[in-house]
Amino acid sequence: MLEAYPHNRLARIVLWSFAALVMAFLMLPTLVVVPLS
């Protein structure tokens, strides 16, 4: 799917921002729990 639009910068930016949001959402519980434990 990504190879079909290598020139589409907007799609790449949206994809990377979505990936960053998912990573931040997954890292948030760890960052909260570790200092408390």
N, C-alpha and C. Protein backbone atom coordinates (compact mmCIF):
# COMPACT_ATOMS: atom_id res chain seq x y z
N MET A 1 0.85 -1.21 0.00
CA MET A 1 0.00 0.00 0.00
C MET A 1 0.87 1.25 0.00
N LEU A 2 1.96 1.22 0.79
CA LEU A 2 2.83 2.39 0.85
C LEU A 2 3.60 2.57 -0.44
N GLU A 3 3.93 1.46 -1.12
CA GLU A 3 4.70 1.56 -2.35
C GLU A 3 3.88 2.17 -3.49
N ALA A 4 2.57 2.18 -3.33
CA ALA A 4 1.71 2.70 -4.39
C ALA A 4 1.76 4.23 -4.45
N TYR A 5 2.07 4.86 -3.33
CA TYR A 5 2.10 6.32 -3.30
C TYR A 5 3.41 6.82 -2.68
N PRO A 6 4.54 6.62 -3.37
CA PRO A 6 5.81 7.08 -2.80
C PRO A 6 5.97 8.59 -2.91
N HIS A 7 5.17 9.22 -3.78
CA HIS A 7 5.30 10.65 -4.01
C HIS A 7 4.34 11.46 -3.13
N ASN A 8 3.42 10.77 -2.48
CA ASN A 8 2.41 11.47 -1.71
C ASN A 8 2.96 11.82 -0.34
N ARG A 9 3.45 13.06 -0.19
CA ARG A 9 4.07 13.47 1.07
C ARG A 9 3.02 13.60 2.17
N LEU A 10 1.82 14.06 1.81
CA LEU A 10 0.77 14.24 2.81
C LEU A 10 0.39 12.91 3.45
N ALA A 11 0.26 11.88 2.64
CA ALA A 11 -0.10 10.56 3.18
C ALA A 11 1.00 10.05 4.11
N ARG A 12 2.26 10.32 3.75
CA ARG A 12 3.37 9.88 4.59
C ARG A 12 3.37 10.64 5.92
N ILE A 13 3.08 11.95 5.87
CA ILE A 13 3.02 12.74 7.11
C ILE A 13 1.89 12.26 8.01
N VAL A 14 0.73 11.99 7.41
CA VAL A 14 -0.41 11.50 8.19
C VAL A 14 -0.09 10.14 8.80
N LEU A 15 0.56 9.28 8.02
CA LEU A 15 0.90 7.94 8.51
C LEU A 15 1.88 8.03 9.67
N TRP A 16 2.92 8.87 9.53
CA TRP A 16 3.92 9.00 10.60
C TRP A 16 3.33 9.65 11.83
N SER A 17 2.44 10.63 11.67
CA SER A 17 1.82 11.27 12.83
C SER A 17 0.89 10.29 13.54
N PHE A 18 0.20 9.44 12.79
CA PHE A 18 -0.65 8.42 13.39
C PHE A 18 0.19 7.40 14.14
N ALA A 19 1.32 7.01 13.55
CA ALA A 19 2.22 6.07 14.21
C ALA A 19 2.79 6.68 15.48
N ALA A 20 3.12 7.97 15.44
CA ALA A 20 3.66 8.65 16.63
C ALA A 20 2.60 8.72 17.72
N LEU A 21 1.34 8.95 17.35
CA LEU A 21 0.26 8.99 18.34
C LEU A 21 0.06 7.62 18.97
N VAL A 22 0.13 6.57 18.17
CA VAL A 22 -0.02 5.22 18.70
C VAL A 22 1.12 4.88 19.65
N MET A 23 2.34 5.23 19.27
CA MET A 23 3.50 4.96 20.12
C MET A 23 3.40 5.73 21.43
N ALA A 24 2.98 7.00 21.36
CA ALA A 24 2.84 7.81 22.57
C ALA A 24 1.74 7.24 23.46
N PHE A 25 0.66 6.75 22.86
CA PHE A 25 -0.44 6.17 23.63
C PHE A 25 0.00 4.89 24.33
N LEU A 26 0.88 4.12 23.65
CA LEU A 26 1.38 2.88 24.25
C LEU A 26 2.44 3.16 25.31
N MET A 27 3.22 4.22 25.14
CA MET A 27 4.29 4.53 26.08
C MET A 27 3.77 5.25 27.32
N LEU A 28 2.62 5.91 27.21
CA LEU A 28 2.09 6.71 28.31
C LEU A 28 1.87 5.90 29.59
N PRO A 29 1.22 4.73 29.55
CA PRO A 29 1.04 3.96 30.79
C PRO A 29 2.37 3.57 31.43
N THR A 30 3.36 3.25 30.61
CA THR A 30 4.68 2.88 31.15
C THR A 30 5.32 4.07 31.84
N LEU A 31 5.23 5.25 31.25
CA LEU A 31 5.83 6.44 31.83
C LEU A 31 5.12 6.84 33.12
N VAL A 32 3.84 6.49 33.25
CA VAL A 32 3.09 6.83 34.46
C VAL A 32 3.33 5.80 35.55
N VAL A 33 3.38 4.52 35.19
CA VAL A 33 3.48 3.45 36.19
C VAL A 33 4.89 3.34 36.77
N VAL A 34 5.91 3.52 35.95
CA VAL A 34 7.29 3.33 36.40
C VAL A 34 7.68 4.24 37.57
N PRO A 35 7.39 5.55 37.54
CA PRO A 35 7.75 6.39 38.69
C PRO A 35 6.96 6.03 39.95
N LEU A 36 5.75 5.49 39.80
CA LEU A 36 4.91 5.18 40.96
C LEU A 36 5.33 3.88 41.62
N SER A 37 5.91 2.98 40.84
CA SER A 37 6.25 1.66 41.39
C SER A 37 7.58 1.68 42.15
